[in-house]
Amino acid sequence: MGVKPVFKLTTASGRFIKTTGNHPYLVKKDHGSWMMDDENPRSTIHDPKSEWRKVSELNVGDEIAVPKNDLFRPDTDTIRFDNKEPGLEFFGIDMLEKI
């Protein structure tokens, strides 16, 4: 509890989110590839070329996983899943931008 600093995370494509420093994001390592867990595509992504890092550990130029589609609608608190195979096309990548 208490007051925590809030970070504004902005990607090169202009997407942004305001979040606390301990929030984890999936980061691509060394030009690796993204792989979904075949047994449970909505759970953790398993790939030695990606890792979870807190916002406070991110650097400009890091590539993070972002939703490929507009899953969150501003006029409602529901999430829309349009993919025919859930989890397989959920993530794209985007590069962090210096602000």
PDB file of N, CA and C in Angstrom:
ATOM      1  N   MET A   1       0.831  -1.180   0.000  1.00  0.00           N
ATOM      2  CA  MET A   1       0.000   0.000   0.000  1.00  0.00           C
ATOM      3  C   MET A   1       0.874   1.241   0.000  1.00  0.00           C
ATOM      4  N   GLY A   2       0.239   2.377   0.104  1.00  0.00           N
ATOM      5  CA  GLY A   2       0.986   3.616   0.069  1.00  0.00           C
ATOM      6  C   GLY A   2       1.033   4.174  -1.340  1.00  0.00           C
ATOM      7  N   VAL A   3       1.848   5.189  -1.508  1.00  0.00           N
ATOM      8  CA  VAL A   3       1.982   5.843  -2.800  1.00  0.00           C
ATOM      9  C   VAL A   3       3.155   5.222  -3.553  1.00  0.00           C
ATOM     10  N   LYS A   4       2.916   4.863  -4.814  1.00  0.00           N
ATOM     11  CA  LYS A   4       3.966   4.288  -5.651  1.00  0.00           C
ATOM     12  C   LYS A   4       4.124   5.149  -6.895  1.00  0.00           C
ATOM     13  N   PRO A   5       5.357   5.256  -7.405  1.00  0.00           N
ATOM     14  CA  PRO A   5       5.531   6.000  -8.657  1.00  0.00           C
ATOM     15  C   PRO A   5       4.843   5.280  -9.812  1.00  0.00           C
ATOM     16  N   VAL A   6       4.338   6.057 -10.753  1.00  0.00           N
ATOM     17  CA  VAL A   6       3.673   5.508 -11.932  1.00  0.00           C
ATOM     18  C   VAL A   6       4.529   5.843 -13.154  1.00  0.00           C
ATOM     19  N   PHE A   7       4.761   4.831 -13.990  1.00  0.00           N
ATOM     20  CA  PHE A   7       5.539   4.995 -15.208  1.00  0.00           C
ATOM     21  C   PHE A   7       4.594   5.033 -16.399  1.00  0.00           C
ATOM     22  N   LYS A   8       4.943   5.821 -17.402  1.00  0.00           N
ATOM     23  CA  LYS A   8       4.215   5.788 -18.669  1.00  0.00           C
ATOM     24  C   LYS A   8       5.114   5.053 -19.653  1.00  0.00           C
ATOM     25  N   LEU A   9       4.684   3.876 -20.057  1.00  0.00           N
ATOM     26  CA  LEU A   9       5.421   3.035 -20.986  1.00  0.00           C
ATOM     27  C   LEU A   9       4.880   3.321 -22.379  1.00  0.00           C
ATOM     28  N   THR A  10       5.737   3.831 -23.280  1.00  0.00           N
ATOM     29  CA  THR A  10       5.317   4.191 -24.630  1.00  0.00           C
ATOM     30  C   THR A  10       6.119   3.393 -25.646  1.00  0.00           C
ATOM     31  N   THR A  11       5.431   2.821 -26.626  1.00  0.00           N
ATOM     32  CA  THR A  11       6.110   2.045 -27.663  1.00  0.00           C
ATOM     33  C   THR A  11       6.352   2.903 -28.899  1.00  0.00           C
ATOM     34  N   ALA A  12       7.186   2.408 -29.796  1.00  0.00           N
ATOM     35  CA  ALA A  12       7.524   3.137 -31.019  1.00  0.00           C
ATOM     36  C   ALA A  12       6.298   3.395 -31.894  1.00  0.00           C
ATOM     37  N   SER A  13       5.291   2.532 -31.799  1.00  0.00           N
ATOM     38  CA  SER A  13       4.081   2.725 -32.610  1.00  0.00           C
ATOM     39  C   SER A  13       3.085   3.676 -31.952  1.00  0.00           C
ATOM     40  N   GLY A  14       3.430   4.187 -30.766  1.00  0.00           N
ATOM     41  CA  GLY A  14       2.564   5.146 -30.096  1.00  0.00           C
ATOM     42  C   GLY A  14       1.650   4.567 -29.038  1.00  0.00           C
ATOM     43  N   ARG A  15       1.640   3.262 -28.869  1.00  0.00           N
ATOM     44  CA  ARG A  15       0.834   2.663 -27.799  1.00  0.00           C
ATOM     45  C   ARG A  15       1.454   3.046 -26.464  1.00  0.00           C
ATOM     46  N   PHE A  16       0.611   3.238 -25.464  1.00  0.00           N
ATOM     47  CA  PHE A  16       1.164   3.543 -24.148  1.00  0.00           C
ATOM     48  C   PHE A  16       0.278   2.970 -23.060  1.00  0.00           C
ATOM     49  N   ILE A  17       0.886   2.824 -21.896  1.00  0.00           N
ATOM     50  CA  ILE A  17       0.167   2.374 -20.710  1.00  0.00           C
ATOM     51  C   ILE A  17       0.833   3.011 -19.501  1.00  0.00           C
ATOM     52  N   LYS A  18       0.032   3.353 -18.521  1.00  0.00           N
ATOM     53  CA  LYS A  18       0.561   3.854 -17.252  1.00  0.00           C
ATOM     54  C   LYS A  18       0.533   2.703 -16.262  1.00  0.00           C
ATOM     55  N   THR A  19       1.656   2.460 -15.599  1.00  0.00           N
ATOM     56  CA  THR A  19       1.790   1.281 -14.756  1.00  0.00           C
ATOM     57  C   THR A  19       2.802   1.517 -13.641  1.00  0.00           C
ATOM     58  N   THR A  20       2.723   0.713 -12.601  1.00  0.00           N
ATOM     59  CA  THR A  20       3.709   0.804 -11.523  1.00  0.00           C
ATOM     60  C   THR A  20       4.981   0.067 -11.930  1.00  0.00           C
ATOM     61  N   GLY A  21       6.082   0.347 -11.255  1.00  0.00           N
ATOM     62  CA  GLY A  21       7.384  -0.207 -11.597  1.00  0.00           C
ATOM     63  C   GLY A  21       7.520  -1.698 -11.415  1.00  0.00           C
ATOM     64  N   ASN A  22       6.645  -2.306 -10.621  1.00  0.00           N
ATOM     65  CA  ASN A  22       6.778  -3.749 -10.395  1.00  0.00           C
ATOM     66  C   ASN A  22       5.908  -4.578 -11.336  1.00  0.00           C
ATOM     67  N   HIS A  23       5.205  -3.944 -12.265  1.00  0.00           N
ATOM     68  CA  HIS A  23       4.357  -4.678 -13.210  1.00  0.00           C
ATOM     69  C   HIS A  23       5.239  -5.389 -14.236  1.00  0.00           C
ATOM     70  N   PRO A  24       5.027  -6.698 -14.473  1.00  0.00           N
ATOM     71  CA  PRO A  24       5.877  -7.426 -15.426  1.00  0.00           C
ATOM     72  C   PRO A  24       5.378  -7.332 -16.868  1.00  0.00           C
ATOM     73  N   TYR A  25       6.329  -7.317 -17.794  1.00  0.00           N
ATOM     74  CA  TYR A  25       6.047  -7.345 -19.228  1.00  0.00           C
ATOM     75  C   TYR A  25       6.918  -8.412 -19.865  1.00  0.00           C
ATOM     76  N   LEU A  26       6.405  -9.045 -20.921  1.00  0.00           N
ATOM     77  CA  LEU A  26       7.159 -10.069 -21.630  1.00  0.00           C
ATOM     78  C   LEU A  26       8.080  -9.380 -22.630  1.00  0.00           C
ATOM     79  N   VAL A  27       9.381  -9.629 -22.496  1.00  0.00           N
ATOM     80  CA  VAL A  27      10.398  -8.949 -23.294  1.00  0.00           C
ATOM     81  C   VAL A  27      11.135  -9.955 -24.168  1.00  0.00           C
ATOM     82  N   LYS A  28      11.317  -9.610 -25.416  1.00  0.00           N
ATOM     83  CA  LYS A  28      12.060 -10.450 -26.359  1.00  0.00           C
ATOM     84  C   LYS A  28      13.553 -10.261 -26.116  1.00  0.00           C
ATOM     85  N   LYS A  29      14.293 -11.373 -26.004  1.00  0.00           N
ATOM     86  CA  LYS A  29      15.734 -11.313 -25.777  1.00  0.00           C
ATOM     87  C   LYS A  29      16.491 -11.619 -27.065  1.00  0.00           C
ATOM     88  N   ASP A  30      17.504 -10.842 -27.371  1.00  0.00           N
ATOM     89  CA  ASP A  30      18.455 -11.135 -28.444  1.00  0.00           C
ATOM     90  C   ASP A  30      17.813 -11.595 -29.744  1.00  0.00           C
ATOM     91  N   HIS A  31      16.829 -10.881 -30.203  1.00  0.00           N
ATOM     92  CA  HIS A  31      16.159 -11.196 -31.468  1.00  0.00           C
ATOM     93  C   HIS A  31      15.626 -12.622 -31.499  1.00  0.00           C
ATOM     94  N   GLY A  32      15.097 -13.065 -30.390  1.00  0.00           N
ATOM     95  CA  GLY A  32      14.529 -14.407 -30.281  1.00  0.00           C
ATOM     96  C   GLY A  32      13.164 -14.479 -30.935  1.00  0.00           C
ATOM     97  N   SER A  33      12.487 -15.571 -30.719  1.00  0.00           N
ATOM     98  CA  SER A  33      11.152 -15.754 -31.281  1.00  0.00           C
ATOM     99  C   SER A  33      10.155 -15.933 -30.154  1.00  0.00           C
ATOM    100  N   TRP A  34       8.883 -15.702 -30.453  1.00  0.00           N
ATOM    101  CA  TRP A  34       7.822 -15.875 -29.472  1.00  0.00           C
ATOM    102  C   TRP A  34       7.207 -17.246 -29.667  1.00  0.00           C
ATOM    103  N   MET A  35       6.986 -17.963 -28.574  1.00  0.00           N
ATOM    104  CA  MET A  35       6.353 -19.272 -28.659  1.00  0.00           C
ATOM    105  C   MET A  35       5.299 -19.385 -27.569  1.00  0.00           C
ATOM    106  N   MET A  36       4.136 -19.889 -27.945  1.00  0.00           N
ATOM    107  CA  MET A  36       3.062 -20.072 -26.981  1.00  0.00           C
ATOM    108  C   MET A  36       3.150 -21.463 -26.371  1.00  0.00           C
ATOM    109  N   ASP A  37       2.594 -21.610 -25.176  1.00  0.00           N
ATOM    110  CA  ASP A  37       2.486 -22.908 -24.514  1.00  0.00           C
ATOM    111  C   ASP A  37       1.383 -23.681 -25.231  1.00  0.00           C
ATOM    112  N   ASP A  38       1.741 -24.740 -25.966  1.00  0.00           N
ATOM    113  CA  ASP A  38       0.763 -25.482 -26.766  1.00  0.00           C
ATOM    114  C   ASP A  38      -0.345 -26.113 -25.935  1.00  0.00           C
ATOM    115  N   GLU A  39      -0.031 -26.517 -24.704  1.00  0.00           N
ATOM    116  CA  GLU A  39      -1.031 -27.175 -23.869  1.00  0.00           C
ATOM    117  C   GLU A  39      -2.032 -26.188 -23.292  1.00  0.00           C
ATOM    118  N   ASN A  40      -1.617 -24.974 -23.066  1.00  0.00           N
ATOM    119  CA  ASN A  40      -2.502 -23.957 -22.508  1.00  0.00           C
ATOM    120  C   ASN A  40      -2.115 -22.613 -23.110  1.00  0.00           C
ATOM    121  N   PRO A  41      -2.619 -22.287 -24.307  1.00  0.00           N
ATOM    122  CA  PRO A  41      -2.185 -21.084 -25.001  1.00  0.00           C
ATOM    123  C   PRO A  41      -2.499 -19.775 -24.292  1.00  0.00           C
ATOM    124  N   ARG A  42      -3.363 -19.807 -23.294  1.00  0.00           N
ATOM    125  CA  ARG A  42      -3.661 -18.555 -22.583  1.00  0.00           C
ATOM    126  C   ARG A  42      -2.773 -18.369 -21.358  1.00  0.00           C
ATOM    127  N   SER A  43      -1.875 -19.309 -21.094  1.00  0.00           N
ATOM    128  CA  SER A  43      -1.025 -19.181 -19.913  1.00  0.00           C
ATOM    129  C   SER A  43       0.327 -18.597 -20.300  1.00  0.00           C
ATOM    130  N   THR A  44       1.330 -18.933 -19.545  1.00  0.00           N
ATOM    131  CA  THR A  44       2.665 -18.380 -19.718  1.00  0.00           C
ATOM    132  C   THR A  44       3.257 -18.736 -21.071  1.00  0.00           C
ATOM    133  N   ILE A  45       3.999 -17.816 -21.617  1.00  0.00           N
ATOM    134  CA  ILE A  45       4.726 -18.091 -22.845  1.00  0.00           C
ATOM    135  C   ILE A  45       6.066 -18.690 -22.457  1.00  0.00           C
ATOM    136  N   HIS A  46       6.395 -19.839 -23.035  1.00  0.00           N
ATOM    137  CA  HIS A  46       7.652 -20.522 -22.737  1.00  0.00           C
ATOM    138  C   HIS A  46       8.599 -20.365 -23.917  1.00  0.00           C
ATOM    139  N   ASP A  47       9.685 -19.691 -23.732  1.00  0.00           N
ATOM    140  CA  ASP A  47      10.679 -19.528 -24.778  1.00  0.00           C
ATOM    141  C   ASP A  47      11.948 -19.020 -24.122  1.00  0.00           C
ATOM    142  N   PRO A  48      13.061 -19.695 -24.321  1.00  0.00           N
ATOM    143  CA  PRO A  48      14.302 -19.215 -23.715  1.00  0.00           C
ATOM    144  C   PRO A  48      14.747 -17.875 -24.282  1.00  0.00           C
ATOM    145  N   LYS A  49      14.100 -17.434 -25.362  1.00  0.00           N
ATOM    146  CA  LYS A  49      14.470 -16.167 -25.975  1.00  0.00           C
ATOM    147  C   LYS A  49      13.571 -15.023 -25.530  1.00  0.00           C
ATOM    148  N   SER A  50      12.735 -15.263 -24.534  1.00  0.00           N
ATOM    149  CA  SER A  50      11.901 -14.207 -23.966  1.00  0.00           C
ATOM    150  C   SER A  50      11.907 -14.348 -22.454  1.00  0.00           C
ATOM    151  N   GLU A  51      11.597 -13.250 -21.780  1.00  0.00           N
ATOM    152  CA  GLU A  51      11.587 -13.279 -20.318  1.00  0.00           C
ATOM    153  C   GLU A  51      10.638 -12.207 -19.797  1.00  0.00           C
ATOM    154  N   TRP A  52      10.163 -12.418 -18.577  1.00  0.00           N
ATOM    155  CA  TRP A  52       9.321 -11.432 -17.908  1.00  0.00           C
ATOM    156  C   TRP A  52      10.232 -10.467 -17.172  1.00  0.00           C
ATOM    157  N   ARG A  53      10.013  -9.150 -17.377  1.00  0.00           N
ATOM    158  CA  ARG A  53      10.774  -8.127 -16.666  1.00  0.00           C
ATOM    159  C   ARG A  53       9.821  -7.063 -16.143  1.00  0.00           C
ATOM    160  N   LYS A  54      10.172  -6.524 -14.987  1.00  0.00           N
ATOM    161  CA  LYS A  54       9.395  -5.424 -14.418  1.00  0.00           C
ATOM    162  C   LYS A  54       9.673  -4.150 -15.215  1.00  0.00           C
ATOM    163  N   VAL A  55       8.713  -3.230 -15.183  1.00  0.00           N
ATOM    164  CA  VAL A  55       8.867  -1.959 -15.889  1.00  0.00           C
ATOM    165  C   VAL A  55      10.160  -1.266 -15.477  1.00  0.00           C
ATOM    166  N   SER A  56      10.492  -1.324 -14.202  1.00  0.00           N
ATOM    167  CA  SER A  56      11.696  -0.657 -13.714  1.00  0.00           C
ATOM    168  C   SER A  56      12.975  -1.263 -14.290  1.00  0.00           C
ATOM    169  N   GLU A  57      12.885  -2.448 -14.924  1.00  0.00           N
ATOM    170  CA  GLU A  57      14.050  -3.118 -15.513  1.00  0.00           C
ATOM    171  C   GLU A  57      14.096  -2.987 -17.036  1.00  0.00           C
ATOM    172  N   LEU A  58      13.129  -2.288 -17.634  1.00  0.00           N
ATOM    173  CA  LEU A  58      13.075  -2.144 -19.090  1.00  0.00           C
ATOM    174  C   LEU A  58      13.983  -1.016 -19.558  1.00  0.00           C
ATOM    175  N   ASN A  59      14.427  -1.126 -20.798  1.00  0.00           N
ATOM    176  CA  ASN A  59      15.282  -0.113 -21.408  1.00  0.00           C
ATOM    177  C   ASN A  59      14.695   0.325 -22.740  1.00  0.00           C
ATOM    178  N   VAL A  60      15.047   1.531 -23.163  1.00  0.00           N
ATOM    179  CA  VAL A  60      14.651   2.011 -24.481  1.00  0.00           C
ATOM    180  C   VAL A  60      15.179   1.022 -25.512  1.00  0.00           C
ATOM    181  N   GLY A  61      14.343   0.635 -26.453  1.00  0.00           N
ATOM    182  CA  GLY A  61      14.730  -0.311 -27.489  1.00  0.00           C
ATOM    183  C   GLY A  61      14.345  -1.744 -27.199  1.00  0.00           C
ATOM    184  N   ASP A  62      13.968  -2.058 -25.939  1.00  0.00           N
ATOM    185  CA  ASP A  62      13.487  -3.404 -25.629  1.00  0.00           C
ATOM    186  C   ASP A  62      12.215  -3.665 -26.417  1.00  0.00           C
ATOM    187  N   GLU A  63      12.038  -4.897 -26.863  1.00  0.00           N
ATOM    188  CA  GLU A  63      10.828  -5.281 -27.576  1.00  0.00           C
ATOM    189  C   GLU A  63       9.930  -6.050 -26.621  1.00  0.00           C
ATOM    190  N   ILE A  64       8.689  -5.567 -26.475  1.00  0.00           N
ATOM    191  CA  ILE A  64       7.747  -6.180 -25.543  1.00  0.00           C
ATOM    192  C   ILE A  64       6.565  -6.762 -26.308  1.00  0.00           C
ATOM    193  N   ALA A  65       5.917  -7.749 -25.707  1.00  0.00           N
ATOM    194  CA  ALA A  65       4.711  -8.336 -26.292  1.00  0.00           C
ATOM    195  C   ALA A  65       3.551  -7.375 -26.095  1.00  0.00           C
ATOM    196  N   VAL A  66       2.791  -7.171 -27.158  1.00  0.00           N
ATOM    197  CA  VAL A  66       1.598  -6.321 -27.104  1.00  0.00           C
ATOM    198  C   VAL A  66       0.471  -7.048 -27.827  1.00  0.00           C
ATOM    199  N   PRO A  67      -0.778  -6.790 -27.462  1.00  0.00           N
ATOM    200  CA  PRO A  67      -1.888  -7.418 -28.189  1.00  0.00           C
ATOM    201  C   PRO A  67      -1.868  -6.986 -29.651  1.00  0.00           C
ATOM    202  N   LYS A  68      -2.085  -7.919 -30.563  1.00  0.00           N
ATOM    203  CA  LYS A  68      -2.133  -7.583 -31.992  1.00  0.00           C
ATOM    204  C   LYS A  68      -3.422  -6.862 -32.345  1.00  0.00           C
ATOM    205  N   ASN A  69      -4.499  -7.198 -31.661  1.00  0.00           N
ATOM    206  CA  ASN A  69      -5.808  -6.618 -31.952  1.00  0.00           C
ATOM    207  C   ASN A  69      -6.216  -5.671 -30.844  1.00  0.00           C
ATOM    208  N   ASP A  70      -7.248  -4.885 -31.111  1.00  0.00           N
ATOM    209  CA  ASP A  70      -7.802  -4.012 -30.079  1.00  0.00           C
ATOM    210  C   ASP A  70      -8.712  -4.842 -29.191  1.00  0.00           C
ATOM    211  N   LEU A  71      -8.142  -5.486 -28.193  1.00  0.00           N
ATOM    212  CA  LEU A  71      -8.918  -6.370 -27.327  1.00  0.00           C
ATOM    213  C   LEU A  71      -9.732  -5.604 -26.297  1.00  0.00           C
ATOM    214  N   PHE A  72      -9.242  -4.432 -25.906  1.00  0.00           N
ATOM    215  CA  PHE A  72      -9.913  -3.668 -24.863  1.00  0.00           C
ATOM    216  C   PHE A  72     -10.690  -2.534 -25.505  1.00  0.00           C
ATOM    217  N   ARG A  73     -11.968  -2.501 -25.231  1.00  0.00           N
ATOM    218  CA  ARG A  73     -12.817  -1.472 -25.810  1.00  0.00           C
ATOM    219  C   ARG A  73     -13.050  -0.386 -24.775  1.00  0.00           C
ATOM    220  N   PRO A  74     -12.857   0.886 -25.146  1.00  0.00           N
ATOM    221  CA  PRO A  74     -13.000   1.973 -24.184  1.00  0.00           C
ATOM    222  C   PRO A  74     -14.418   2.176 -23.677  1.00  0.00           C
ATOM    223  N   ASP A  75     -15.427   1.712 -24.427  1.00  0.00           N
ATOM    224  CA  ASP A  75     -16.809   1.949 -24.030  1.00  0.00           C
ATOM    225  C   ASP A  75     -17.364   0.847 -23.129  1.00  0.00           C
ATOM    226  N   THR A  76     -16.551  -0.121 -22.769  1.00  0.00           N
ATOM    227  CA  THR A  76     -17.025  -1.232 -21.954  1.00  0.00           C
ATOM    228  C   THR A  76     -15.857  -1.824 -21.178  1.00  0.00           C
ATOM    229  N   ASP A  77     -16.154  -2.617 -20.191  1.00  0.00           N
ATOM    230  CA  ASP A  77     -15.081  -3.253 -19.426  1.00  0.00           C
ATOM    231  C   ASP A  77     -14.903  -4.709 -19.837  1.00  0.00           C
ATOM    232  N   THR A  78     -15.352  -5.047 -21.050  1.00  0.00           N
ATOM    233  CA  THR A  78     -15.203  -6.419 -21.537  1.00  0.00           C
ATOM    234  C   THR A  78     -14.012  -6.522 -22.483  1.00  0.00           C
ATOM    235  N   ILE A  79     -13.538  -7.738 -22.673  1.00  0.00           N
ATOM    236  CA  ILE A  79     -12.435  -8.005 -23.581  1.00  0.00           C
ATOM    237  C   ILE A  79     -12.972  -8.825 -24.742  1.00  0.00           C
ATOM    238  N   ARG A  80     -12.575  -8.480 -25.948  1.00  0.00           N
ATOM    239  CA  ARG A  80     -13.039  -9.153 -27.149  1.00  0.00           C
ATOM    240  C   ARG A  80     -11.918 -10.042 -27.686  1.00  0.00           C
ATOM    241  N   PHE A  81     -12.200 -11.330 -27.907  1.00  0.00           N
ATOM    242  CA  PHE A  81     -11.238 -12.255 -28.492  1.00  0.00           C
ATOM    243  C   PHE A  81     -11.763 -12.699 -29.850  1.00  0.00           C
ATOM    244  N   ASP A  82     -11.136 -12.237 -30.928  1.00  0.00           N
ATOM    245  CA  ASP A  82     -11.587 -12.553 -32.277  1.00  0.00           C
ATOM    246  C   ASP A  82     -10.798 -13.680 -32.926  1.00  0.00           C
ATOM    247  N   ASN A  83      -9.749 -14.141 -32.301  1.00  0.00           N
ATOM    248  CA  ASN A  83      -8.887 -15.146 -32.920  1.00  0.00           C
ATOM    249  C   ASN A  83      -9.576 -16.493 -33.025  1.00  0.00           C
ATOM    250  N   LYS A  84      -9.386 -17.160 -34.152  1.00  0.00           N
ATOM    251  CA  LYS A  84      -9.956 -18.492 -34.342  1.00  0.00           C
ATOM    252  C   LYS A  84      -9.257 -19.515 -33.465  1.00  0.00           C
ATOM    253  N   GLU A  85      -7.966 -19.336 -33.243  1.00  0.00           N
ATOM    254  CA  GLU A  85      -7.203 -20.221 -32.371  1.00  0.00           C
ATOM    255  C   GLU A  85      -6.669 -19.368 -31.231  1.00  0.00           C
ATOM    256  N   PRO A  86      -7.404 -19.279 -30.123  1.00  0.00           N
ATOM    257  CA  PRO A  86      -7.012 -18.390 -29.026  1.00  0.00           C
ATOM    258  C   PRO A  86      -5.581 -18.621 -28.578  1.00  0.00           C
ATOM    259  N   GLY A  87      -4.876 -17.523 -28.429  1.00  0.00           N
ATOM    260  CA  GLY A  87      -3.516 -17.583 -27.927  1.00  0.00           C
ATOM    261  C   GLY A  87      -2.452 -17.634 -28.999  1.00  0.00           C
ATOM    262  N   LEU A  88      -2.776 -18.118 -30.187  1.00  0.00           N
ATOM    263  CA  LEU A  88      -1.749 -18.280 -31.204  1.00  0.00           C
ATOM    264  C   LEU A  88      -1.392 -16.969 -31.895  1.00  0.00           C
ATOM    265  N   GLU A  89      -2.329 -16.073 -32.017  1.00  0.00           N
ATOM    266  CA  GLU A  89      -2.067 -14.809 -32.692  1.00  0.00           C
ATOM    267  C   GLU A  89      -2.286 -13.618 -31.761  1.00  0.00           C
ATOM    268  N   PHE A  90      -2.250 -13.856 -30.465  1.00  0.00           N
ATOM    269  CA  PHE A  90      -2.573 -12.811 -29.496  1.00  0.00           C
ATOM    270  C   PHE A  90      -1.491 -11.742 -29.409  1.00  0.00           C
ATOM    271  N   PHE A  91      -0.230 -12.159 -29.464  1.00  0.00           N
ATOM    272  CA  PHE A  91       0.850 -11.211 -29.237  1.00  0.00           C
ATOM    273  C   PHE A  91       1.567 -10.822 -30.514  1.00  0.00           C
ATOM    274  N   GLY A  92       1.913  -9.547 -30.588  1.00  0.00           N
ATOM    275  CA  GLY A  92       2.860  -9.042 -31.564  1.00  0.00           C
ATOM    276  C   GLY A  92       4.009  -8.480 -30.751  1.00  0.00           C
ATOM    277  N   ILE A  93       4.905  -7.763 -31.388  1.00  0.00           N
ATOM    278  CA  ILE A  93       5.968  -7.121 -30.635  1.00  0.00           C
ATOM    279  C   ILE A  93       6.002  -5.656 -30.994  1.00  0.00           C
ATOM    280  N   ASP A  94       6.517  -4.857 -30.108  1.00  0.00           N
ATOM    281  CA  ASP A  94       6.664  -3.436 -30.342  1.00  0.00           C
ATOM    282  C   ASP A  94       7.893  -2.980 -29.574  1.00  0.00           C
ATOM    283  N   MET A  95       8.576  -1.986 -30.094  1.00  0.00           N
ATOM    284  CA  MET A  95       9.797  -1.516 -29.470  1.00  0.00           C
ATOM    285  C   MET A  95       9.504  -0.326 -28.567  1.00  0.00           C
ATOM    286  N   LEU A  96      10.169  -0.273 -27.409  1.00  0.00           N
ATOM    287  CA  LEU A  96      10.000   0.852 -26.504  1.00  0.00           C
ATOM    288  C   LEU A  96      10.655   2.088 -27.091  1.00  0.00           C
ATOM    289  N   GLU A  97      10.024   3.227 -26.860  1.00  0.00           N
ATOM    290  CA  GLU A  97      10.487   4.492 -27.403  1.00  0.00           C
ATOM    291  C   GLU A  97      10.966   5.393 -26.280  1.00  0.00           C
ATOM    292  N   LYS A  98      12.004   6.170 -26.536  1.00  0.00           N
ATOM    293  CA  LYS A  98      12.483   7.138 -25.556  1.00  0.00           C
ATOM    294  C   LYS A  98      11.562   8.348 -25.586  1.00  0.00           C
ATOM    295  N   ILE A  99      11.122   8.785 -24.390  1.00  0.00           N
ATOM    296  CA  ILE A  99      10.264   9.976 -24.343  1.00  0.00           C
ATOM    297  C   ILE A  99      10.930  11.058 -23.528  1.00  0.00           C
TER     298      ILE A  99
END
